[in-house]
Amino acid sequence: MKRFDIITLFPEACTPYSEASILGRAQKKKLIKIRTHQLRDFSPDKKHHKVDDSPYGGGPGMVMAVEPFDRAIKKIKKGKKSRVILTSASGKRFTQTDARRLCKYDQLIFLCGRYEGVDARIEEHIADESLSIGDYVLTGGELPALVMIDAIARLIPGVLGKQASLEQESHGEDGVLEYPQYTKPELYKKWRVPEVLLSGDHKKIAEWRLKNQRKKE
């Protein structure tokens, strides 16, 4: 069973998505396990459970401290086939190739930042790599963690159910997106389904789909 761990200040933001739909069913089938961990539980400050502080050198906002993350990793990490990922706007862009690469690990641990960011020593000494899901800044790392978990988990045999769906879907490593898809009704308003898709000629349909695959921008 592949295990995903999310270390965050807001576990309640992750649980609804991880327990719904395909990810939820995969957990019930014991194909994957997704666990969230409250970062404050690993704070050395037992009274206030503080996990951040003002930045050295001055500046706005608060920076998440290194020690709580370090303590959390020591508690959560299991075995050698684990990978620790910091979700960061400045990290490498996450791609389908990364999803396939990370799928080979038994355990993936996601570190979710907040506020003005995290102490740089987390990226330098604790995380194995930093990944981003796009060239924009979010309020926290929870959404990027869930996006990556979703992309990785669906590559695990049995999670999607139909291997054919996995093989034909969007964003292969060749940079080609999936062809347009249509369903009933055949005609809606004045918008008609392409005739070739109604022809029953599988060779022509395959040719049409190949021709209409879209390249990534």
C-alpha atoms as a PDB file:
ATOM      1  CA  MET A   1       0.000   0.000   0.000  1.00  0.00           C
ATOM      2  CA  LYS A   2       1.374   3.400  -0.983  1.00  0.00           C
ATOM      3  CA  ARG A   3       1.287   5.996   1.771  1.00  0.00           C
ATOM      4  CA  PHE A   4       0.895   9.755   1.431  1.00  0.00           C
ATOM      5  CA  ASP A   5       1.496  12.014   4.440  1.00  0.00           C
ATOM      6  CA  ILE A   6       0.608  15.716   4.519  1.00  0.00           C
ATOM      7  CA  ILE A   7       2.162  17.890   7.222  1.00  0.00           C
ATOM      8  CA  THR A   8       0.089  21.042   7.526  1.00  0.00           C
ATOM      9  CA  LEU A   9      -1.434  23.634   9.821  1.00  0.00           C
ATOM     10  CA  PHE A  10      -4.827  22.874   8.286  1.00  0.00           C
ATOM     11  CA  PRO A  11      -5.534  19.112   8.117  1.00  0.00           C
ATOM     12  CA  GLU A  12      -9.236  19.926   7.855  1.00  0.00           C
ATOM     13  CA  ALA A  13      -8.586  21.528   4.459  1.00  0.00           C
ATOM     14  CA  CYS A  14      -7.186  18.261   3.058  1.00  0.00           C
ATOM     15  CA  THR A  15      -9.416  15.533   4.480  1.00  0.00           C
ATOM     16  CA  PRO A  16     -12.654  16.198   2.521  1.00  0.00           C
ATOM     17  CA  TYR A  17     -10.925  15.890  -0.843  1.00  0.00           C
ATOM     18  CA  SER A  18      -8.722  12.937   0.100  1.00  0.00           C
ATOM     19  CA  GLU A  19     -11.739  10.958   1.328  1.00  0.00           C
ATOM     20  CA  ALA A  20     -13.966  11.702  -1.680  1.00  0.00           C
ATOM     21  CA  SER A  21     -14.441  10.033  -5.066  1.00  0.00           C
ATOM     22  CA  ILE A  22     -11.546   8.032  -6.511  1.00  0.00           C
ATOM     23  CA  LEU A  23      -9.069   8.751  -3.703  1.00  0.00           C
ATOM     24  CA  GLY A  24     -11.644   7.803  -1.100  1.00  0.00           C
ATOM     25  CA  ARG A  25     -12.479   4.543  -2.863  1.00  0.00           C
ATOM     26  CA  ALA A  26      -8.792   3.720  -3.293  1.00  0.00           C
ATOM     27  CA  GLN A  27      -8.289   4.120   0.447  1.00  0.00           C
ATOM     28  CA  LYS A  28     -11.239   1.870   1.224  1.00  0.00           C
ATOM     29  CA  LYS A  29      -9.757  -0.735  -1.108  1.00  0.00           C
ATOM     30  CA  LYS A  30      -6.449  -0.341   0.755  1.00  0.00           C
ATOM     31  CA  LEU A  31      -4.555   0.613  -2.379  1.00  0.00           C
ATOM     32  CA  ILE A  32      -3.363   3.854  -0.816  1.00  0.00           C
ATOM     33  CA  LYS A  33      -3.347   5.558   2.563  1.00  0.00           C
ATOM     34  CA  ILE A  34      -3.528   9.354   2.944  1.00  0.00           C
ATOM     35  CA  ARG A  35      -2.824  10.815   6.372  1.00  0.00           C
ATOM     36  CA  THR A  36      -2.743  14.434   7.486  1.00  0.00           C
ATOM     37  CA  HIS A  37      -0.655  15.610  10.428  1.00  0.00           C
ATOM     38  CA  GLN A  38      -1.110  18.803  12.428  1.00  0.00           C
ATOM     39  CA  LEU A  39       2.255  20.593  12.423  1.00  0.00           C
ATOM     40  CA  ARG A  40       1.533  22.189  15.798  1.00  0.00           C
ATOM     41  CA  ASP A  41       1.622  18.726  17.384  1.00  0.00           C
ATOM     42  CA  PHE A  42       5.365  18.725  16.712  1.00  0.00           C
ATOM     43  CA  SER A  43       6.095  22.180  18.119  1.00  0.00           C
ATOM     44  CA  PRO A  44       8.721  22.321  20.910  1.00  0.00           C
ATOM     45  CA  ASP A  45       6.497  25.003  22.484  1.00  0.00           C
ATOM     46  CA  LYS A  46       4.147  22.825  24.540  1.00  0.00           C
ATOM     47  CA  LYS A  47       2.143  25.769  25.850  1.00  0.00           C
ATOM     48  CA  HIS A  48       1.257  27.748  22.716  1.00  0.00           C
ATOM     49  CA  HIS A  49       2.285  25.201  20.027  1.00  0.00           C
ATOM     50  CA  LYS A  50       4.031  27.956  18.089  1.00  0.00           C
ATOM     51  CA  VAL A  51       5.485  26.961  14.705  1.00  0.00           C
ATOM     52  CA  ASP A  52       6.578  30.301  13.248  1.00  0.00           C
ATOM     53  CA  ASP A  53       8.578  33.404  14.096  1.00  0.00           C
ATOM     54  CA  SER A  54       9.670  36.746  12.676  1.00  0.00           C
ATOM     55  CA  PRO A  55      12.348  36.626   9.959  1.00  0.00           C
ATOM     56  CA  TYR A  56      16.010  37.335  10.696  1.00  0.00           C
ATOM     57  CA  GLY A  57      17.071  40.560   9.019  1.00  0.00           C
ATOM     58  CA  GLY A  58      13.601  42.036   9.309  1.00  0.00           C
ATOM     59  CA  GLY A  59      10.711  42.060   6.894  1.00  0.00           C
ATOM     60  CA  PRO A  60       6.947  41.523   6.889  1.00  0.00           C
ATOM     61  CA  GLY A  61       5.047  38.507   8.113  1.00  0.00           C
ATOM     62  CA  MET A  62       6.105  35.326   9.855  1.00  0.00           C
ATOM     63  CA  VAL A  63       8.310  32.455   8.704  1.00  0.00           C
ATOM     64  CA  MET A  64       7.586  28.824   9.530  1.00  0.00           C
ATOM     65  CA  ALA A  65      10.314  27.357  11.737  1.00  0.00           C
ATOM     66  CA  VAL A  66      12.549  24.421  10.889  1.00  0.00           C
ATOM     67  CA  GLU A  67      12.260  22.404  14.131  1.00  0.00           C
ATOM     68  CA  PRO A  68       8.561  21.400  13.962  1.00  0.00           C
ATOM     69  CA  PHE A  69       9.014  20.060  10.426  1.00  0.00           C
ATOM     70  CA  ASP A  70      12.180  18.205  11.423  1.00  0.00           C
ATOM     71  CA  ARG A  71      10.457  16.604  14.418  1.00  0.00           C
ATOM     72  CA  ALA A  72       7.466  15.655  12.267  1.00  0.00           C
ATOM     73  CA  ILE A  73       9.633  13.923   9.647  1.00  0.00           C
ATOM     74  CA  LYS A  74      11.480  11.913  12.289  1.00  0.00           C
ATOM     75  CA  LYS A  75       8.140  10.681  13.626  1.00  0.00           C
ATOM     76  CA  ILE A  76       6.345  10.029  10.341  1.00  0.00           C
ATOM     77  CA  LYS A  77       9.006   8.799   7.911  1.00  0.00           C
ATOM     78  CA  LYS A  78       8.962   5.023   7.437  1.00  0.00           C
ATOM     79  CA  GLY A  79      11.698   3.087   5.639  1.00  0.00           C
ATOM     80  CA  LYS A  80      14.156   4.014   2.935  1.00  0.00           C
ATOM     81  CA  LYS A  81      11.728   4.201   0.003  1.00  0.00           C
ATOM     82  CA  SER A  82      10.363   7.528   1.214  1.00  0.00           C
ATOM     83  CA  ARG A  83      10.516  10.948  -0.402  1.00  0.00           C
ATOM     84  CA  VAL A  84      10.008  14.295   1.347  1.00  0.00           C
ATOM     85  CA  ILE A  85       8.534  17.026  -0.862  1.00  0.00           C
ATOM     86  CA  LEU A  86       8.275  20.705   0.010  1.00  0.00           C
ATOM     87  CA  THR A  87       5.436  22.451  -1.812  1.00  0.00           C
ATOM     88  CA  SER A  88       6.940  25.759  -2.910  1.00  0.00           C
ATOM     89  CA  ALA A  89       6.122  28.400  -5.514  1.00  0.00           C
ATOM     90  CA  SER A  90       9.847  28.565  -6.290  1.00  0.00           C
ATOM     91  CA  GLY A  91      10.197  24.791  -6.719  1.00  0.00           C
ATOM     92  CA  LYS A  92      10.510  22.796  -9.926  1.00  0.00           C
ATOM     93  CA  ARG A  93       7.314  22.636 -11.981  1.00  0.00           C
ATOM     94  CA  PHE A  94       5.476  19.374 -11.284  1.00  0.00           C
ATOM     95  CA  THR A  95       4.753  17.364 -14.443  1.00  0.00           C
ATOM     96  CA  GLN A  96       3.298  13.998 -15.438  1.00  0.00           C
ATOM     97  CA  THR A  97       6.862  12.719 -15.654  1.00  0.00           C
ATOM     98  CA  ASP A  98       7.317  13.623 -11.988  1.00  0.00           C
ATOM     99  CA  ALA A  99       4.072  11.836 -11.132  1.00  0.00           C
ATOM    100  CA  ARG A 100       5.364   8.634 -12.706  1.00  0.00           C
ATOM    101  CA  ARG A 101       8.746   9.014 -11.017  1.00  0.00           C
ATOM    102  CA  LEU A 102       7.265   9.611  -7.570  1.00  0.00           C
ATOM    103  CA  CYS A 103       4.821   6.740  -7.981  1.00  0.00           C
ATOM    104  CA  LYS A 104       7.763   4.365  -7.449  1.00  0.00           C
ATOM    105  CA  TYR A 105       8.166   5.389  -3.792  1.00  0.00           C
ATOM    106  CA  ASP A 106       6.403   3.596  -0.943  1.00  0.00           C
ATOM    107  CA  GLN A 107       5.852   6.799   1.022  1.00  0.00           C
ATOM    108  CA  LEU A 108       5.593  10.436  -0.016  1.00  0.00           C
ATOM    109  CA  ILE A 109       5.610  13.146   2.643  1.00  0.00           C
ATOM    110  CA  PHE A 110       4.405  16.634   1.693  1.00  0.00           C
ATOM    111  CA  LEU A 111       5.462  19.687   3.701  1.00  0.00           C
ATOM    112  CA  CYS A 112       2.925  22.505   3.377  1.00  0.00           C
ATOM    113  CA  GLY A 113       4.084  26.051   4.015  1.00  0.00           C
ATOM    114  CA  ARG A 114       2.031  29.076   5.038  1.00  0.00           C
ATOM    115  CA  TYR A 115       2.498  32.770   5.881  1.00  0.00           C
ATOM    116  CA  GLU A 116       5.608  34.352   4.310  1.00  0.00           C
ATOM    117  CA  GLY A 117       7.189  30.966   3.663  1.00  0.00           C
ATOM    118  CA  VAL A 118       9.388  28.476   5.440  1.00  0.00           C
ATOM    119  CA  ASP A 119      12.863  28.613   6.951  1.00  0.00           C
ATOM    120  CA  ALA A 120      15.265  27.935   4.056  1.00  0.00           C
ATOM    121  CA  ARG A 121      16.917  25.140   6.040  1.00  0.00           C
ATOM    122  CA  ILE A 122      13.788  23.052   5.497  1.00  0.00           C
ATOM    123  CA  GLU A 123      14.456  23.001   1.766  1.00  0.00           C
ATOM    124  CA  GLU A 124      18.223  22.678   2.224  1.00  0.00           C
ATOM    125  CA  HIS A 125      18.358  19.894   4.798  1.00  0.00           C
ATOM    126  CA  ILE A 126      14.947  18.237   5.321  1.00  0.00           C
ATOM    127  CA  ALA A 127      13.113  18.080   1.987  1.00  0.00           C
ATOM    128  CA  ASP A 128      14.421  15.839  -0.782  1.00  0.00           C
ATOM    129  CA  GLU A 129      13.023  18.214  -3.373  1.00  0.00           C
ATOM    130  CA  SER A 130      10.770  21.247  -3.835  1.00  0.00           C
ATOM    131  CA  LEU A 131       7.890  21.188  -6.301  1.00  0.00           C
ATOM    132  CA  SER A 132       5.449  23.783  -7.625  1.00  0.00           C
ATOM    133  CA  ILE A 133       2.194  23.304  -9.529  1.00  0.00           C
ATOM    134  CA  GLY A 134       2.404  26.622 -11.404  1.00  0.00           C
ATOM    135  CA  ASP A 135       3.807  30.103 -11.711  1.00  0.00           C
ATOM    136  CA  TYR A 136       1.604  31.730  -9.091  1.00  0.00           C
ATOM    137  CA  VAL A 137       1.467  32.079  -5.314  1.00  0.00           C
ATOM    138  CA  LEU A 138      -1.171  30.389  -3.148  1.00  0.00           C
ATOM    139  CA  THR A 139      -1.988  30.997   0.505  1.00  0.00           C
ATOM    140  CA  GLY A 140      -0.636  27.583   1.456  1.00  0.00           C
ATOM    141  CA  GLY A 141       0.797  24.303   0.249  1.00  0.00           C
ATOM    142  CA  GLU A 142      -2.259  22.143   0.864  1.00  0.00           C
ATOM    143  CA  LEU A 143      -3.763  22.467  -2.620  1.00  0.00           C
ATOM    144  CA  PRO A 144      -0.455  21.695  -4.378  1.00  0.00           C
ATOM    145  CA  ALA A 145      -0.008  18.631  -2.146  1.00  0.00           C
ATOM    146  CA  LEU A 146      -3.486  17.362  -3.030  1.00  0.00           C
ATOM    147  CA  VAL A 147      -2.941  18.021  -6.740  1.00  0.00           C
ATOM    148  CA  MET A 148       0.259  15.984  -6.725  1.00  0.00           C
ATOM    149  CA  ILE A 149      -1.242  13.179  -4.642  1.00  0.00           C
ATOM    150  CA  ASP A 150      -4.180  12.957  -7.060  1.00  0.00           C
ATOM    151  CA  ALA A 151      -1.883  12.817 -10.106  1.00  0.00           C
ATOM    152  CA  ILE A 152       0.365  10.173  -8.521  1.00  0.00           C
ATOM    153  CA  ALA A 153      -2.328   7.993  -6.948  1.00  0.00           C
ATOM    154  CA  ARG A 154      -4.267   7.526 -10.180  1.00  0.00           C
ATOM    155  CA  LEU A 155      -1.190   5.841 -11.704  1.00  0.00           C
ATOM    156  CA  ILE A 156      -1.346   3.045  -9.137  1.00  0.00           C
ATOM    157  CA  PRO A 157      -2.899  -0.117 -10.620  1.00  0.00           C
ATOM    158  CA  GLY A 158      -6.507  -0.527  -9.525  1.00  0.00           C
ATOM    159  CA  VAL A 159      -7.075   3.084  -8.465  1.00  0.00           C
ATOM    160  CA  LEU A 160      -8.732   4.181 -11.714  1.00  0.00           C
ATOM    161  CA  GLY A 161     -10.277   0.848 -12.505  1.00  0.00           C
ATOM    162  CA  LYS A 162      -9.786   0.970 -16.295  1.00  0.00           C
ATOM    163  CA  GLN A 163      -6.197   0.818 -17.524  1.00  0.00           C
ATOM    164  CA  ALA A 164      -7.328   1.943 -20.996  1.00  0.00           C
ATOM    165  CA  SER A 165      -8.474   5.261 -19.538  1.00  0.00           C
ATOM    166  CA  LEU A 166      -5.044   5.786 -18.039  1.00  0.00           C
ATOM    167  CA  GLU A 167      -3.222   4.990 -21.263  1.00  0.00           C
ATOM    168  CA  GLN A 168      -5.287   7.327 -23.457  1.00  0.00           C
ATOM    169  CA  GLU A 169      -5.657  10.320 -21.176  1.00  0.00           C
ATOM    170  CA  SER A 170      -4.156  13.808 -21.309  1.00  0.00           C
ATOM    171  CA  HIS A 171      -0.609  14.977 -20.644  1.00  0.00           C
ATOM    172  CA  GLY A 172       1.572  12.131 -21.769  1.00  0.00           C
ATOM    173  CA  GLU A 173       5.320  12.654 -21.693  1.00  0.00           C
ATOM    174  CA  ASP A 174       5.257  13.419 -25.434  1.00  0.00           C
ATOM    175  CA  GLY A 175       3.589  16.763 -24.759  1.00  0.00           C
ATOM    176  CA  VAL A 176       0.295  15.874 -26.444  1.00  0.00           C
ATOM    177  CA  LEU A 177      -3.067  16.540 -24.836  1.00  0.00           C
ATOM    178  CA  GLU A 178      -6.121  14.342 -25.234  1.00  0.00           C
ATOM    179  CA  TYR A 179      -8.473  14.660 -28.202  1.00  0.00           C
ATOM    180  CA  PRO A 180     -11.885  16.386 -27.719  1.00  0.00           C
ATOM    181  CA  GLN A 181     -14.597  14.223 -26.151  1.00  0.00           C
ATOM    182  CA  TYR A 182     -18.380  14.308 -26.726  1.00  0.00           C
ATOM    183  CA  THR A 183     -21.461  12.573 -25.284  1.00  0.00           C
ATOM    184  CA  LYS A 184     -25.263  12.654 -25.742  1.00  0.00           C
ATOM    185  CA  PRO A 185     -27.219  14.481 -27.025  1.00  0.00           C
ATOM    186  CA  GLU A 186     -25.949  14.385 -30.584  1.00  0.00           C
ATOM    187  CA  LEU A 187     -27.353  17.884 -31.170  1.00  0.00           C
ATOM    188  CA  TYR A 188     -27.656  20.571 -28.497  1.00  0.00           C
ATOM    189  CA  LYS A 189     -28.909  23.972 -29.623  1.00  0.00           C
ATOM    190  CA  LYS A 190     -26.949  24.250 -32.891  1.00  0.00           C
ATOM    191  CA  TRP A 191     -23.893  22.464 -31.579  1.00  0.00           C
ATOM    192  CA  ARG A 192     -23.451  19.091 -33.267  1.00  0.00           C
ATOM    193  CA  VAL A 193     -21.159  16.164 -32.466  1.00  0.00           C
ATOM    194  CA  PRO A 194     -18.661  15.554 -35.327  1.00  0.00           C
ATOM    195  CA  GLU A 195     -20.183  13.101 -37.805  1.00  0.00           C
ATOM    196  CA  VAL A 196     -17.159  10.817 -37.842  1.00  0.00           C
ATOM    197  CA  LEU A 197     -17.700   9.928 -34.184  1.00  0.00           C
ATOM    198  CA  LEU A 198     -21.188   8.652 -35.039  1.00  0.00           C
ATOM    199  CA  SER A 199     -20.060   6.622 -38.046  1.00  0.00           C
ATOM    200  CA  GLY A 200     -19.039   3.424 -36.258  1.00  0.00           C
ATOM    201  CA  ASP A 201     -15.886   3.336 -38.422  1.00  0.00           C
ATOM    202  CA  HIS A 202     -13.218   2.772 -35.779  1.00  0.00           C
ATOM    203  CA  LYS A 203     -10.330   3.375 -38.158  1.00  0.00           C
ATOM    204  CA  LYS A 204     -11.685   6.789 -39.183  1.00  0.00           C
ATOM    205  CA  ILE A 205     -12.474   7.635 -35.558  1.00  0.00           C
ATOM    206  CA  ALA A 206      -8.895   6.760 -34.541  1.00  0.00           C
ATOM    207  CA  GLU A 207      -7.530   8.912 -37.377  1.00  0.00           C
ATOM    208  CA  TRP A 208      -9.799  11.823 -36.364  1.00  0.00           C
ATOM    209  CA  ARG A 209      -8.712  11.569 -32.743  1.00  0.00           C
ATOM    210  CA  LEU A 210      -5.032  11.472 -33.679  1.00  0.00           C
ATOM    211  CA  LYS A 211      -5.465  14.495 -35.928  1.00  0.00           C
ATOM    212  CA  ASN A 212      -7.320  16.439 -33.245  1.00  0.00           C
ATOM    213  CA  GLN A 213      -4.959  15.835 -30.365  1.00  0.00           C
ATOM    214  CA  ARG A 214      -3.766  19.143 -29.055  1.00  0.00           C
ATOM    215  CA  LYS A 215      -0.215  20.138 -28.291  1.00  0.00           C
ATOM    216  CA  LYS A 216       0.572  21.693 -24.918  1.00  0.00           C
ATOM    217  CA  GLU A 217       1.142  25.419 -25.153  1.00  0.00           C
END
